[in-house]
C-alpha cells in the first residue's frame, strides 16, 4: 500500500455526522471499511460453511424477532382493549357527574313581593 490514489464519493449526511463524531481521520475510517468489505468477500468465496452458519444464525434471529413482534402485537391489542374500557368508565363517570350536578343545584331564591322588601 505504498502508492495512494484519491477517491471521491458522496455519502449520506448521517454517515458524515457519524464520521465527524468518531474523532478519527476520514482516511482511516474509509480504508478500514474497504479492507473489511474485501476481506468479507474473500471469506464468502472461500468458505461455504460460514454461509451455512450465517444462515442458521439468521434464521434464529428471524424466529426470535418474529416471536418478539408477535409479543408486541399482543401487548398492543391488550392496551387497546384497556383504553376502550377506560373510555367507557370515563363516559360513565361523566354521566354520573352531570346527574349529581343536576341533583345538587340549589333551589331558586325566594322572590319577595314588592311590599315585603324590608322584611
PDB file of N, CA and C in Angstrom:
ATOM      1  N   UNK A   1       0.812  -1.180   0.000  1.00  0.00           N
ATOM      2  CA  UNK A   1       0.000   0.000   0.000  1.00  0.00           C
ATOM      3  C   UNK A   1       0.861   1.250   0.000  1.00  0.00           C
ATOM      4  N   UNK A   2       1.890   1.252  -0.725  1.00  0.00           N
ATOM      5  CA  UNK A   2       2.777   2.404  -0.745  1.00  0.00           C
ATOM      6  C   UNK A   2       2.188   3.561  -1.523  1.00  0.00           C
ATOM      7  N   UNK A   3       1.731   3.273  -2.740  1.00  0.00           N
ATOM      8  CA  UNK A   3       1.189   4.340  -3.587  1.00  0.00           C
ATOM      9  C   UNK A   3      -0.282   4.565  -3.240  1.00  0.00           C
ATOM     10  N   UNK A   4      -0.719   5.811  -3.300  1.00  0.00           N
ATOM     11  CA  UNK A   4      -2.095   6.135  -2.918  1.00  0.00           C
ATOM     12  C   UNK A   4      -2.806   6.818  -4.063  1.00  0.00           C
ATOM     13  N   UNK A   5      -4.127   6.598  -4.113  1.00  0.00           N
ATOM     14  CA  UNK A   5      -4.993   7.233  -5.098  1.00  0.00           C
ATOM     15  C   UNK A   5      -6.120   7.948  -4.363  1.00  0.00           C
ATOM     16  N   UNK A   6      -6.643   8.963  -4.987  1.00  0.00           N
ATOM     17  CA  UNK A   6      -7.731   9.718  -4.380  1.00  0.00           C
ATOM     18  C   UNK A   6      -9.059   9.106  -4.800  1.00  0.00           C
ATOM     19  N   UNK A   7     -10.003   9.065  -3.849  1.00  0.00           N
ATOM     20  CA  UNK A   7     -11.329   8.514  -4.087  1.00  0.00           C
ATOM     21  C   UNK A   7     -12.356   9.552  -3.635  1.00  0.00           C
ATOM     22  N   UNK A   8     -13.169  10.018  -4.553  1.00  0.00           N
ATOM     23  CA  UNK A   8     -14.216  10.993  -4.227  1.00  0.00           C
ATOM     24  C   UNK A   8     -15.566  10.297  -4.277  1.00  0.00           C
ATOM     25  N   UNK A   9     -16.282  10.332  -3.178  1.00  0.00           N
ATOM     26  CA  UNK A   9     -17.608   9.704  -3.113  1.00  0.00           C
ATOM     27  C   UNK A   9     -18.566  10.626  -2.376  1.00  0.00           C
ATOM     28  N   UNK A  10     -19.840  10.439  -2.656  1.00  0.00           N
ATOM     29  CA  UNK A  10     -20.882  11.163  -1.924  1.00  0.00           C
ATOM     30  C   UNK A  10     -21.509  10.173  -0.955  1.00  0.00           C
ATOM     31  N   UNK A  11     -21.624  10.594   0.296  1.00  0.00           N
ATOM     32  CA  UNK A  11     -22.198   9.734   1.324  1.00  0.00           C
ATOM     33  C   UNK A  11     -23.368  10.460   1.970  1.00  0.00           C
ATOM     34  N   UNK A  12     -24.265   9.695   2.576  1.00  0.00           N
ATOM     35  CA  UNK A  12     -25.387  10.332   3.267  1.00  0.00           C
ATOM     36  C   UNK A  12     -24.906  11.213   4.423  1.00  0.00           C
ATOM     37  N   UNK A  13     -25.679  12.201   4.733  1.00  0.00           N
ATOM     38  CA  UNK A  13     -25.344  13.154   5.785  1.00  0.00           C
ATOM     39  C   UNK A  13     -25.199  12.453   7.141  1.00  0.00           C
ATOM     40  N   UNK A  14     -26.029  11.416   7.381  1.00  0.00           N
ATOM     41  CA  UNK A  14     -25.961  10.692   8.650  1.00  0.00           C
ATOM     42  C   UNK A  14     -24.595  10.043   8.830  1.00  0.00           C
ATOM     43  N   UNK A  15     -24.054   9.450   7.744  1.00  0.00           N
ATOM     44  CA  UNK A  15     -22.730   8.834   7.832  1.00  0.00           C
ATOM     45  C   UNK A  15     -21.661   9.888   8.081  1.00  0.00           C
ATOM     46  N   UNK A  16     -21.790  11.027   7.437  1.00  0.00           N
ATOM     47  CA  UNK A  16     -20.826  12.106   7.634  1.00  0.00           C
ATOM     48  C   UNK A  16     -20.820  12.556   9.098  1.00  0.00           C
ATOM     49  N   UNK A  17     -22.003  12.653   9.696  1.00  0.00           N
ATOM     50  CA  UNK A  17     -22.096  13.056  11.099  1.00  0.00           C
ATOM     51  C   UNK A  17     -21.454  12.014  12.005  1.00  0.00           C
ATOM     52  N   UNK A  18     -21.653  10.727  11.683  1.00  0.00           N
ATOM     53  CA  UNK A  18     -21.041   9.666  12.482  1.00  0.00           C
ATOM     54  C   UNK A  18     -19.523   9.718  12.371  1.00  0.00           C
ATOM     55  N   UNK A  19     -19.014   9.991  11.171  1.00  0.00           N
ATOM     56  CA  UNK A  19     -17.572  10.092  10.973  1.00  0.00           C
ATOM     57  C   UNK A  19     -17.017  11.263  11.785  1.00  0.00           C
ATOM     58  N   UNK A  20     -17.715  12.384  11.749  1.00  0.00           N
ATOM     59  CA  UNK A  20     -17.260  13.563  12.492  1.00  0.00           C
ATOM     60  C   UNK A  20     -17.261  13.306  14.001  1.00  0.00           C
ATOM     61  N   UNK A  21     -18.283  12.581  14.492  1.00  0.00           N
ATOM     62  CA  UNK A  21     -18.383  12.303  15.925  1.00  0.00           C
ATOM     63  C   UNK A  21     -17.324  11.317  16.395  1.00  0.00           C
ATOM     64  N   UNK A  22     -16.847  10.457  15.483  1.00  0.00           N
ATOM     65  CA  UNK A  22     -15.874   9.442  15.897  1.00  0.00           C
ATOM     66  C   UNK A  22     -14.540  10.068  16.288  1.00  0.00           C
ATOM     67  N   UNK A  23     -14.187  11.188  15.678  1.00  0.00           N
ATOM     68  CA  UNK A  23     -12.935  11.849  16.006  1.00  0.00           C
ATOM     69  C   UNK A  23     -11.723  11.250  15.310  1.00  0.00           C
ATOM     70  N   UNK A  24     -11.932  10.244  14.516  1.00  0.00           N
ATOM     71  CA  UNK A  24     -10.828   9.619  13.782  1.00  0.00           C
ATOM     72  C   UNK A  24     -10.710  10.266  12.403  1.00  0.00           C
ATOM     73  N   UNK A  25      -9.533  10.178  11.788  1.00  0.00           N
ATOM     74  CA  UNK A  25      -9.384  10.722  10.430  1.00  0.00           C
ATOM     75  C   UNK A  25     -10.255   9.945   9.438  1.00  0.00           C
ATOM     76  N   UNK A  26     -10.804  10.666   8.490  1.00  0.00           N
ATOM     77  CA  UNK A  26     -11.684  10.055   7.494  1.00  0.00           C
ATOM     78  C   UNK A  26     -10.970   8.970   6.708  1.00  0.00           C
ATOM     79  N   UNK A  27      -9.700   9.201   6.379  1.00  0.00           N
ATOM     80  CA  UNK A  27      -8.974   8.231   5.565  1.00  0.00           C
ATOM     81  C   UNK A  27      -8.847   6.894   6.290  1.00  0.00           C
ATOM     82  N   UNK A  28      -8.654   6.934   7.625  1.00  0.00           N
ATOM     83  CA  UNK A  28      -8.552   5.682   8.383  1.00  0.00           C
ATOM     84  C   UNK A  28      -9.872   4.924   8.378  1.00  0.00           C
ATOM     85  N   UNK A  29     -10.957   5.643   8.548  1.00  0.00           N
ATOM     86  CA  UNK A  29     -12.272   5.010   8.586  1.00  0.00           C
ATOM     87  C   UNK A  29     -12.608   4.383   7.240  1.00  0.00           C
ATOM     88  N   UNK A  30     -12.387   5.128   6.157  1.00  0.00           N
ATOM     89  CA  UNK A  30     -12.718   4.618   4.825  1.00  0.00           C
ATOM     90  C   UNK A  30     -11.819   3.441   4.464  1.00  0.00           C
ATOM     91  N   UNK A  31     -10.530   3.528   4.782  1.00  0.00           N
ATOM     92  CA  UNK A  31      -9.602   2.440   4.479  1.00  0.00           C
ATOM     93  C   UNK A  31     -10.000   1.178   5.247  1.00  0.00           C
ATOM     94  N   UNK A  32     -10.312   1.350   6.522  1.00  0.00           N
ATOM     95  CA  UNK A  32     -10.724   0.201   7.331  1.00  0.00           C
ATOM     96  C   UNK A  32     -12.005  -0.424   6.793  1.00  0.00           C
ATOM     97  N   UNK A  33     -12.966   0.395   6.397  1.00  0.00           N
ATOM     98  CA  UNK A  33     -14.223  -0.117   5.865  1.00  0.00           C
ATOM     99  C   UNK A  33     -14.011  -0.871   4.562  1.00  0.00           C
ATOM    100  N   UNK A  34     -13.170  -0.346   3.680  1.00  0.00           N
ATOM    101  CA  UNK A  34     -12.915  -1.038   2.412  1.00  0.00           C
ATOM    102  C   UNK A  34     -12.167  -2.352   2.636  1.00  0.00           C
ATOM    103  N   UNK A  35     -11.206  -2.353   3.555  1.00  0.00           N
ATOM    104  CA  UNK A  35     -10.497  -3.593   3.854  1.00  0.00           C
ATOM    105  C   UNK A  35     -11.457  -4.636   4.431  1.00  0.00           C
ATOM    106  N   UNK A  36     -12.326  -4.204   5.323  1.00  0.00           N
ATOM    107  CA  UNK A  36     -13.311  -5.114   5.897  1.00  0.00           C
ATOM    108  C   UNK A  36     -14.218  -5.679   4.806  1.00  0.00           C
ATOM    109  N   UNK A  37     -14.628  -4.830   3.877  1.00  0.00           N
ATOM    110  CA  UNK A  37     -15.506  -5.257   2.787  1.00  0.00           C
ATOM    111  C   UNK A  37     -14.826  -6.316   1.933  1.00  0.00           C
ATOM    112  N   UNK A  38     -13.587  -6.070   1.525  1.00  0.00           N
ATOM    113  CA  UNK A  38     -12.910  -7.017   0.653  1.00  0.00           C
ATOM    114  C   UNK A  38     -12.508  -8.283   1.392  1.00  0.00           C
ATOM    115  N   UNK A  39     -12.201  -8.190   2.673  1.00  0.00           N
ATOM    116  CA  UNK A  39     -11.914  -9.391   3.460  1.00  0.00           C
ATOM    117  C   UNK A  39     -13.151 -10.270   3.579  1.00  0.00           C
ATOM    118  N   UNK A  40     -14.304  -9.662   3.778  1.00  0.00           N
ATOM    119  CA  UNK A  40     -15.536 -10.438   3.890  1.00  0.00           C
ATOM    120  C   UNK A  40     -15.886 -11.083   2.549  1.00  0.00           C
ATOM    121  N   UNK A  41     -15.569 -10.418   1.442  1.00  0.00           N
ATOM    122  CA  UNK A  41     -15.822 -11.010   0.118  1.00  0.00           C
ATOM    123  C   UNK A  41     -14.929 -12.228  -0.084  1.00  0.00           C
ATOM    124  N   UNK A  42     -13.674 -12.169   0.386  1.00  0.00           N
ATOM    125  CA  UNK A  42     -12.773 -13.317   0.274  1.00  0.00           C
ATOM    126  C   UNK A  42     -13.315 -14.497   1.065  1.00  0.00           C
ATOM    127  N   UNK A  43     -13.789 -14.233   2.267  1.00  0.00           N
ATOM    128  CA  UNK A  43     -14.311 -15.305   3.111  1.00  0.00           C
ATOM    129  C   UNK A  43     -15.544 -15.938   2.488  1.00  0.00           C
ATOM    130  N   UNK A  44     -16.371 -15.137   1.834  1.00  0.00           N
ATOM    131  CA  UNK A  44     -17.568 -15.671   1.185  1.00  0.00           C
ATOM    132  C   UNK A  44     -17.198 -16.593   0.033  1.00  0.00           C
ATOM    133  N   UNK A  45     -16.197 -16.208  -0.735  1.00  0.00           N
ATOM    134  CA  UNK A  45     -15.824 -17.024  -1.899  1.00  0.00           C
ATOM    135  C   UNK A  45     -15.080 -18.287  -1.495  1.00  0.00           C
ATOM    136  N   UNK A  46     -14.359 -18.293  -0.380  1.00  0.00           N
ATOM    137  CA  UNK A  46     -13.587 -19.466   0.020  1.00  0.00           C
ATOM    138  C   UNK A  46     -14.349 -20.400   0.939  1.00  0.00           C
ATOM    139  N   UNK A  47     -15.209 -19.931   1.772  1.00  0.00           N
ATOM    140  CA  UNK A  47     -15.856 -20.798   2.763  1.00  0.00           C
ATOM    141  C   UNK A  47     -17.350 -20.869   2.602  1.00  0.00           C
ATOM    142  N   UNK A  48     -17.838 -22.085   2.267  1.00  0.00           N
ATOM    143  CA  UNK A  48     -19.277 -22.297   2.178  1.00  0.00           C
ATOM    144  C   UNK A  48     -19.850 -22.588   3.559  1.00  0.00           C
ATOM    145  N   UNK A  49     -19.004 -23.126   4.476  1.00  0.00           N
ATOM    146  CA  UNK A  49     -19.506 -23.465   5.804  1.00  0.00           C
ATOM    147  C   UNK A  49     -19.906 -22.216   6.569  1.00  0.00           C
ATOM    148  N   UNK A  50     -19.203 -21.117   6.337  1.00  0.00           N
ATOM    149  CA  UNK A  50     -19.552 -19.887   7.045  1.00  0.00           C
ATOM    150  C   UNK A  50     -20.911 -19.368   6.607  1.00  0.00           C
ATOM    151  N   UNK A  51     -21.259 -19.585   5.338  1.00  0.00           N
ATOM    152  CA  UNK A  51     -22.578 -19.130   4.881  1.00  0.00           C
ATOM    153  C   UNK A  51     -23.678 -19.965   5.514  1.00  0.00           C
ATOM    154  N   UNK A  52     -23.446 -21.267   5.705  1.00  0.00           N
ATOM    155  CA  UNK A  52     -24.467 -22.088   6.348  1.00  0.00           C
ATOM    156  C   UNK A  52     -24.620 -21.701   7.807  1.00  0.00           C
ATOM    157  N   UNK A  53     -23.497 -21.364   8.465  1.00  0.00           N
ATOM    158  CA  UNK A  53     -23.576 -20.898   9.848  1.00  0.00           C
ATOM    159  C   UNK A  53     -24.297 -19.563   9.917  1.00  0.00           C
ATOM    160  N   UNK A  54     -23.992 -18.687   8.956  1.00  0.00           N
ATOM    161  CA  UNK A  54     -24.676 -17.394   8.916  1.00  0.00           C
ATOM    162  C   UNK A  54     -26.167 -17.579   8.684  1.00  0.00           C
ATOM    163  N   UNK A  55     -26.526 -18.507   7.799  1.00  0.00           N
ATOM    164  CA  UNK A  55     -27.935 -18.749   7.509  1.00  0.00           C
ATOM    165  C   UNK A  55     -28.658 -19.263   8.739  1.00  0.00           C
ATOM    166  N   UNK A  56     -28.008 -20.176   9.480  1.00  0.00           N
ATOM    167  CA  UNK A  56     -28.659 -20.707  10.679  1.00  0.00           C
ATOM    168  C   UNK A  56     -28.791 -19.620  11.742  1.00  0.00           C
ATOM    169  N   UNK A  57     -27.756 -18.780  11.875  1.00  0.00           N
ATOM    170  CA  UNK A  57     -27.856 -17.698  12.857  1.00  0.00           C
ATOM    171  C   UNK A  57     -28.902 -16.677  12.443  1.00  0.00           C
ATOM    172  N   UNK A  58     -29.028 -16.435  11.140  1.00  0.00           N
ATOM    173  CA  UNK A  58     -30.042 -15.509  10.651  1.00  0.00           C
ATOM    174  C   UNK A  58     -31.431 -16.071  10.908  1.00  0.00           C
ATOM    175  N   UNK A  59     -31.611 -17.385  10.695  1.00  0.00           N
ATOM    176  CA  UNK A  59     -32.926 -17.977  10.942  1.00  0.00           C
ATOM    177  C   UNK A  59     -33.275 -17.918  12.423  1.00  0.00           C
ATOM    178  N   UNK A  60     -32.271 -18.105  13.307  1.00  0.00           N
ATOM    179  CA  UNK A  60     -32.528 -17.984  14.740  1.00  0.00           C
ATOM    180  C   UNK A  60     -32.930 -16.556  15.077  1.00  0.00           C
ATOM    181  N   UNK A  61     -32.254 -15.595  14.482  1.00  0.00           N
ATOM    182  CA  UNK A  61     -32.585 -14.194  14.721  1.00  0.00           C
ATOM    183  C   UNK A  61     -33.982 -13.888  14.202  1.00  0.00           C
ATOM    184  N   UNK A  62     -34.320 -14.427  13.015  1.00  0.00           N
ATOM    185  CA  UNK A  62     -35.641 -14.192  12.447  1.00  0.00           C
ATOM    186  C   UNK A  62     -36.742 -14.749  13.338  1.00  0.00           C
ATOM    187  N   UNK A  63     -36.538 -15.971  13.856  1.00  0.00           N
ATOM    188  CA  UNK A  63     -37.574 -16.536  14.725  1.00  0.00           C
ATOM    189  C   UNK A  63     -37.675 -15.746  16.021  1.00  0.00           C
ATOM    190  N   UNK A  64     -36.534 -15.319  16.556  1.00  0.00           N
ATOM    191  CA  UNK A  64     -36.570 -14.517  17.777  1.00  0.00           C
ATOM    192  C   UNK A  64     -37.280 -13.192  17.530  1.00  0.00           C
ATOM    193  N   UNK A  65     -37.001 -12.587  16.379  1.00  0.00           N
ATOM    194  CA  UNK A  65     -37.654 -11.316  16.048  1.00  0.00           C
ATOM    195  C   UNK A  65     -39.143 -11.511  15.816  1.00  0.00           C
ATOM    196  N   UNK A  66     -39.511 -12.609  15.154  1.00  0.00           N
ATOM    197  CA  UNK A  66     -40.940 -12.837  14.907  1.00  0.00           C
ATOM    198  C   UNK A  66     -41.668 -13.102  16.218  1.00  0.00           C
ATOM    199  N   UNK A  67     -41.017 -13.808  17.156  1.00  0.00           N
ATOM    200  CA  UNK A  67     -41.624 -14.011  18.472  1.00  0.00           C
ATOM    201  C   UNK A  67     -41.799 -12.679  19.189  1.00  0.00           C
ATOM    202  N   UNK A  68     -40.778 -11.836  19.111  1.00  0.00           N
ATOM    203  CA  UNK A  68     -40.848 -10.521  19.746  1.00  0.00           C
ATOM    204  C   UNK A  68     -41.932  -9.663  19.096  1.00  0.00           C
ATOM    205  N   UNK A  69     -42.029  -9.728  17.786  1.00  0.00           N
ATOM    206  CA  UNK A  69     -43.062  -8.963  17.074  1.00  0.00           C
ATOM    207  C   UNK A  69     -44.450  -9.436  17.485  1.00  0.00           C
ATOM    208  N   UNK A  70     -44.631 -10.756  17.581  1.00  0.00           N
ATOM    209  CA  UNK A  70     -45.931 -11.297  17.981  1.00  0.00           C
ATOM    210  C   UNK A  70     -46.275 -10.881  19.410  1.00  0.00           C
ATOM    211  N   UNK A  71     -45.275 -10.904  20.308  1.00  0.00           N
ATOM    212  CA  UNK A  71     -45.497 -10.484  21.685  1.00  0.00           C
ATOM    213  C   UNK A  71     -45.910  -9.017  21.736  1.00  0.00           C
ATOM    214  N   UNK A  72     -45.241  -8.186  20.938  1.00  0.00           N
ATOM    215  CA  UNK A  72     -45.571  -6.758  20.905  1.00  0.00           C
ATOM    216  C   UNK A  72     -46.972  -6.524  20.346  1.00  0.00           C
ATOM    217  N   UNK A  73     -47.350  -7.296  19.324  1.00  0.00           N
ATOM    218  CA  UNK A  73     -48.701  -7.167  18.771  1.00  0.00           C
ATOM    219  C   UNK A  73     -49.742  -7.520  19.818  1.00  0.00           C
ATOM    220  N   UNK A  74     -49.468  -8.585  20.589  1.00  0.00           N
ATOM    221  CA  UNK A  74     -50.399  -8.968  21.660  1.00  0.00           C
ATOM    222  C   UNK A  74     -50.498  -7.873  22.711  1.00  0.00           C
ATOM    223  N   UNK A  75     -49.379  -7.271  23.056  1.00  0.00           N
ATOM    224  CA  UNK A  75     -49.399  -6.181  24.029  1.00  0.00           C
ATOM    225  C   UNK A  75     -50.181  -4.981  23.519  1.00  0.00           C
ATOM    226  N   UNK A  76     -50.000  -4.652  22.257  1.00  0.00           N
ATOM    227  CA  UNK A  76     -50.726  -3.520  21.666  1.00  0.00           C
ATOM    228  C   UNK A  76     -52.224  -3.791  21.693  1.00  0.00           C
ATOM    229  N   UNK A  77     -52.626  -5.008  21.346  1.00  0.00           N
ATOM    230  CA  UNK A  77     -54.047  -5.353  21.355  1.00  0.00           C
ATOM    231  C   UNK A  77     -54.604  -5.273  22.776  1.00  0.00           C
ATOM    232  N   UNK A  78     -53.850  -5.779  23.751  1.00  0.00           N
ATOM    233  CA  UNK A  78     -54.267  -5.713  25.152  1.00  0.00           C
ATOM    234  C   UNK A  78     -54.442  -4.257  25.590  1.00  0.00           C
ATOM    235  N   UNK A  79     -53.485  -3.408  25.233  1.00  0.00           N
ATOM    236  CA  UNK A  79     -53.562  -1.998  25.626  1.00  0.00           C
ATOM    237  C   UNK A  79     -54.729  -1.297  24.951  1.00  0.00           C
ATOM    238  N   UNK A  80     -55.032  -1.657  23.728  1.00  0.00           N
ATOM    239  CA  UNK A  80     -56.197  -1.060  23.050  1.00  0.00           C
ATOM    240  C   UNK A  80     -57.486  -1.432  23.770  1.00  0.00           C
ATOM    241  N   UNK A  81     -57.585  -2.685  24.207  1.00  0.00           N
ATOM    242  CA  UNK A  81     -58.773  -3.100  24.954  1.00  0.00           C
ATOM    243  C   UNK A  81     -58.887  -2.331  26.271  1.00  0.00           C
ATOM    244  N   UNK A  82     -57.749  -2.132  26.929  1.00  0.00           N
ATOM    245  CA  UNK A  82     -57.758  -1.379  28.179  1.00  0.00           C
ATOM    246  C   UNK A  82     -58.168   0.071  27.943  1.00  0.00           C
ATOM    247  N   UNK A  83     -57.723   0.652  26.850  1.00  0.00           N
ATOM    248  CA  UNK A  83     -58.110   2.025  26.518  1.00  0.00           C
ATOM    249  C   UNK A  83     -59.614   2.099  26.303  1.00  0.00           C
ATOM    250  N   UNK A  84     -60.179   1.111  25.599  1.00  0.00           N
ATOM    251  CA  UNK A  84     -61.630   1.093  25.392  1.00  0.00           C
ATOM    252  C   UNK A  84     -62.373   1.012  26.725  1.00  0.00           C
ATOM    253  N   UNK A  85     -61.880   0.152  27.632  1.00  0.00           N
ATOM    254  CA  UNK A  85     -62.517   0.033  28.944  1.00  0.00           C
ATOM    255  C   UNK A  85     -62.437   1.357  29.706  1.00  0.00           C
ATOM    256  N   UNK A  86     -61.283   1.997  29.649  1.00  0.00           N
ATOM    257  CA  UNK A  86     -61.120   3.272  30.349  1.00  0.00           C
ATOM    258  C   UNK A  86     -62.031   4.350  29.771  1.00  0.00           C
ATOM    259  N   UNK A  87     -62.197   4.357  28.469  1.00  0.00           N
ATOM    260  CA  UNK A  87     -63.091   5.345  27.858  1.00  0.00           C
ATOM    261  C   UNK A  87     -64.535   5.113  28.294  1.00  0.00           C
ATOM    262  N   UNK A  88     -64.944   3.842  28.397  1.00  0.00           N
ATOM    263  CA  UNK A  88     -66.292   3.539  28.865  1.00  0.00           C
ATOM    264  C   UNK A  88     -66.478   4.020  30.304  1.00  0.00           C
ATOM    265  N   UNK A  89     -65.479   3.750  31.141  1.00  0.00           N
ATOM    266  CA  UNK A  89     -65.563   4.192  32.533  1.00  0.00           C
ATOM    267  C   UNK A  89     -65.589   5.711  32.640  1.00  0.00           C
ATOM    268  N   UNK A  90     -64.811   6.372  31.825  1.00  0.00           N
ATOM    269  CA  UNK A  90     -64.801   7.832  31.826  1.00  0.00           C
ATOM    270  C   UNK A  90     -66.168   8.376  31.423  1.00  0.00           C
ATOM    271  N   UNK A  91     -66.765   7.774  30.418  1.00  0.00           N
ATOM    272  CA  UNK A  91     -68.088   8.209  29.977  1.00  0.00           C
ATOM    273  C   UNK A  91     -69.115   8.025  31.102  1.00  0.00           C
ATOM    274  N   UNK A  92     -69.055   6.874  31.767  1.00  0.00           N
ATOM    275  CA  UNK A  92     -69.976   6.624  32.872  1.00  0.00           C
ATOM    276  C   UNK A  92     -69.772   7.651  33.993  1.00  0.00           C
ATOM    277  N   UNK A  93     -68.526   7.954  34.300  1.00  0.00           N
ATOM    278  CA  UNK A  93     -68.239   8.932  35.349  1.00  0.00           C
ATOM    279  C   UNK A  93     -68.771  10.301  34.973  1.00  0.00           C
ATOM    280  N   UNK A  94     -68.637  10.668  33.717  1.00  0.00           N
ATOM    281  CA  UNK A  94     -69.142  11.971  33.275  1.00  0.00           C
ATOM    282  C   UNK A  94     -70.661  12.029  33.385  1.00  0.00           C
ATOM    283  N   UNK A  95     -71.322  10.947  33.011  1.00  0.00           N
ATOM    284  CA  UNK A  95     -72.788  10.910  33.111  1.00  0.00           C
ATOM    285  C   UNK A  95     -73.212  11.039  34.571  1.00  0.00           C
ATOM    286  N   UNK A  96     -72.549  10.294  35.462  1.00  0.00           N
ATOM    287  CA  UNK A  96     -72.875  10.377  36.889  1.00  0.00           C
ATOM    288  C   UNK A  96     -72.598  11.765  37.442  1.00  0.00           C
ATOM    289  N   UNK A  97     -71.549  12.383  37.002  1.00  0.00           N
ATOM    290  CA  UNK A  97     -71.210  13.727  37.462  1.00  0.00           C
ATOM    291  C   UNK A  97     -72.301  14.725  37.053  1.00  0.00           C
ATOM    292  N   UNK A  98     -72.741  14.630  35.830  1.00  0.00           N
ATOM    293  CA  UNK A  98     -73.797  15.534  35.350  1.00  0.00           C
ATOM    294  C   UNK A  98     -75.086  15.308  36.139  1.00  0.00           C
ATOM    295  N   UNK A  99     -75.426  14.037  36.381  1.00  0.00           N
ATOM    296  CA  UNK A  99     -76.636  13.745  37.155  1.00  0.00           C
ATOM    297  C   UNK A  99     -76.521  14.290  38.575  1.00  0.00           C
ATOM    298  N   UNK A 100     -75.372  14.148  39.179  1.00  0.00           N
ATOM    299  CA  UNK A 100     -75.157  14.652  40.529  1.00  0.00           C
ATOM    300  C   UNK A 100     -75.261  16.172  40.556  1.00  0.00           C
ATOM    301  N   UNK A 101     -74.701  16.830  39.557  1.00  0.00           N
ATOM    302  CA  UNK A 101     -74.771  18.285  39.497  1.00  0.00           C
ATOM    303  C   UNK A 101     -76.212  18.751  39.371  1.00  0.00           C
ATOM    304  N   UNK A 102     -77.012  18.030  38.625  1.00  0.00           N
ATOM    305  CA  UNK A 102     -78.420  18.394  38.483  1.00  0.00           C
ATOM    306  C   UNK A 102     -79.158  18.242  39.810  1.00  0.00           C
ATOM    307  N   UNK A 103     -78.809  17.179  40.548  1.00  0.00           N
ATOM    308  CA  UNK A 103     -79.480  16.934  41.822  1.00  0.00           C
ATOM    309  C   UNK A 103     -79.065  17.957  42.875  1.00  0.00           C
ATOM    310  N   UNK A 104     -77.865  18.483  42.786  1.00  0.00           N
ATOM    311  CA  UNK A 104     -77.348  19.385  43.803  1.00  0.00           C
ATOM    312  C   UNK A 104     -77.586  20.857  43.505  1.00  0.00           C
ATOM    313  N   UNK A 105     -78.233  21.161  42.425  1.00  0.00           N
ATOM    314  CA  UNK A 105     -78.461  22.574  42.124  1.00  0.00           C
ATOM    315  C   UNK A 105     -79.353  23.167  43.205  1.00  0.00           C
ATOM    316  N   UNK A 106     -79.008  24.360  43.689  1.00  0.00           N
ATOM    317  CA  UNK A 106     -79.806  24.967  44.772  1.00  0.00           C
ATOM    318  C   UNK A 106     -81.186  25.370  44.262  1.00  0.00           C
ATOM    319  N   UNK A 107     -82.076  25.411  45.214  1.00  0.00           N
ATOM    320  CA  UNK A 107     -83.442  25.842  44.866  1.00  0.00           C
ATOM    321  C   UNK A 107     -83.401  27.296  44.437  1.00  0.00           C
ATOM    322  N   UNK A 108     -84.285  27.676  43.553  1.00  0.00           N
ATOM    323  CA  UNK A 108     -84.272  29.077  43.118  1.00  0.00           C
ATOM    324  C   UNK A 108     -84.557  29.987  44.312  1.00  0.00           C
ATOM    325  N   UNK A 109     -83.927  31.135  44.362  1.00  0.00           N
ATOM    326  CA  UNK A 109     -84.126  32.031  45.513  1.00  0.00           C
ATOM    327  C   UNK A 109     -85.586  32.485  45.612  1.00  0.00           C
ATOM    328  N   UNK A 110     -86.012  32.650  46.835  1.00  0.00           N
ATOM    329  CA  UNK A 110     -87.401  33.049  47.088  1.00  0.00           C
ATOM    330  C   UNK A 110     -87.570  34.513  46.695  1.00  0.00           C
ATOM    331  N   UNK A 111     -88.509  34.755  45.870  1.00  0.00           N
ATOM    332  CA  UNK A 111     -88.749  36.134  45.449  1.00  0.00           C
ATOM    333  C   UNK A 111     -89.771  36.765  46.384  1.00  0.00           C
ATOM    334  N   UNK A 112     -89.449  37.956  46.813  1.00  0.00           N
ATOM    335  CA  UNK A 112     -90.343  38.659  47.724  1.00  0.00           C
ATOM    336  C   UNK A 112     -91.237  39.611  46.941  1.00  0.00           C
ATOM    337  N   UNK A 113     -92.353  39.826  47.503  1.00  0.00           N
ATOM    338  CA  UNK A 113     -93.258  40.791  46.911  1.00  0.00           C
ATOM    339  C   UNK A 113     -92.685  42.175  47.133  1.00  0.00           C
ATOM    340  N   UNK A 114     -93.116  43.113  46.376  1.00  0.00           N
ATOM    341  CA  UNK A 114     -92.544  44.444  46.472  1.00  0.00           C
ATOM    342  C   UNK A 114     -92.814  45.113  47.803  1.00  0.00           C
ATOM    343  N   UNK A 115     -93.919  44.795  48.450  1.00  0.00           N
ATOM    344  CA  UNK A 115     -94.225  45.413  49.736  1.00  0.00           C
ATOM    345  C   UNK A 115     -93.505  44.735  50.901  1.00  0.00           C
ATOM    346  N   UNK A 116     -92.853  43.542  50.648  1.00  0.00           N
ATOM    347  CA  UNK A 116     -92.108  42.851  51.685  1.00  0.00           C
ATOM    348  C   UNK A 116     -90.597  43.097  51.548  1.00  0.00           C
ATOM    349  N   UNK A 117     -90.252  44.172  50.993  1.00  0.00           N
ATOM    350  CA  UNK A 117     -88.846  44.467  50.729  1.00  0.00           C
ATOM    351  C   UNK A 117     -87.995  44.540  51.972  1.00  0.00           C
ATOM    352  N   UNK A 118     -88.584  45.156  53.077  1.00  0.00           N
ATOM    353  CA  UNK A 118     -87.799  45.359  54.304  1.00  0.00           C
ATOM    354  C   UNK A 118     -87.853  44.176  55.253  1.00  0.00           C
ATOM    355  N   UNK A 119     -88.532  43.235  54.984  1.00  0.00           N
ATOM    356  CA  UNK A 119     -88.621  42.082  55.885  1.00  0.00           C
ATOM    357  C   UNK A 119     -87.702  41.001  55.480  1.00  0.00           C
TER     358      UNK A 119
END
